[in-house]
Amino acid sequence: MANTCRYVVNALGKGGETYYTLCKDKQELQKWIQTNQEKLIMEELKVTDKNQTLFSKLFNLKKLY
């Protein structure tokens, strides 16, 4: 079975919670962030694109959010 999730989200909550989720597209990612925004520390939000090119990974040229 193929893994269809593209974005990996790691975040810290205001109460010390740790959030880890997988999103299949950018719309789902934005919806999850909007839904949970009041619970998250936005400076600690890390989104990783699993389909990012090697060049972009090395030089961190692509910022998602």
Protein backbone atom coordinates (compact mmCIF):
# COMPACT_ATOMS: atom_id res chain seq x y z
CA MET A 1 0.00 0.00 0.00
CA ALA A 2 1.40 3.37 -1.03
CA ASN A 3 1.78 6.21 1.42
CA THR A 4 -0.36 9.07 0.09
CA CYS A 5 0.50 11.68 2.73
CA ARG A 6 2.65 14.52 1.46
CA TYR A 7 3.01 16.89 4.42
CA VAL A 8 4.24 16.01 7.90
CA VAL A 9 3.33 18.46 10.67
CA ASN A 10 5.15 18.73 14.00
CA ALA A 11 3.91 21.38 16.42
CA LEU A 12 3.91 22.34 20.07
CA GLY A 13 0.76 23.35 21.88
CA LYS A 14 0.37 26.19 24.36
CA GLY A 15 -0.24 23.67 27.16
CA GLY A 16 2.90 21.68 26.36
CA GLU A 17 1.19 19.22 24.01
CA THR A 18 3.03 17.78 21.03
CA TYR A 19 1.12 17.46 17.75
CA TYR A 20 2.11 15.16 14.91
CA THR A 21 -0.11 14.73 11.88
CA LEU A 22 0.04 13.81 8.20
CA CYS A 23 -1.80 15.71 5.45
CA LYS A 24 -2.28 14.58 1.87
CA ASP A 25 -2.48 18.03 0.22
CA LYS A 26 -2.02 21.72 0.92
CA GLN A 27 -5.74 22.36 1.40
CA GLU A 28 -5.94 19.72 4.12
CA LEU A 29 -2.81 21.18 5.73
CA GLN A 30 -4.26 24.71 5.78
CA LYS A 31 -7.57 23.45 7.17
CA TRP A 32 -5.79 21.58 9.99
CA ILE A 33 -3.73 24.66 10.88
CA GLN A 34 -6.80 26.93 10.87
CA THR A 35 -8.73 24.48 13.04
CA ASN A 36 -5.95 24.12 15.61
CA GLN A 37 -4.38 27.59 15.43
CA GLU A 38 -5.63 28.74 18.85
CA LYS A 39 -4.02 25.67 20.49
CA LEU A 40 -0.62 25.95 18.74
CA ILE A 41 2.52 27.99 19.25
CA MET A 42 2.88 29.14 15.64
CA GLU A 43 6.64 29.82 16.00
CA GLU A 44 7.13 26.12 16.82
CA LEU A 45 5.13 24.83 13.84
CA LYS A 46 7.25 22.69 11.49
CA VAL A 47 5.86 21.45 8.19
CA THR A 48 7.88 19.04 6.04
CA ASP A 49 7.06 18.37 2.40
CA LYS A 50 7.94 14.75 1.63
CA ASN A 51 7.93 15.47 -2.14
CA GLN A 52 10.44 18.32 -1.89
CA THR A 53 13.42 18.06 -4.23
CA LEU A 54 16.87 17.26 -2.92
CA PHE A 55 18.20 20.68 -3.96
CA SER A 56 15.45 22.43 -2.01
CA LYS A 57 16.05 20.22 1.03
CA LEU A 58 19.76 21.02 1.06
CA PHE A 59 19.36 24.77 0.74
CA ASN A 60 15.97 25.07 2.46
CA LEU A 61 14.64 27.28 -0.36
CA LYS A 62 11.02 26.24 -0.12
CA LYS A 63 9.06 27.59 2.84
CA LEU A 64 5.59 26.11 3.16
CA TYR A 65 3.98 28.13 5.89
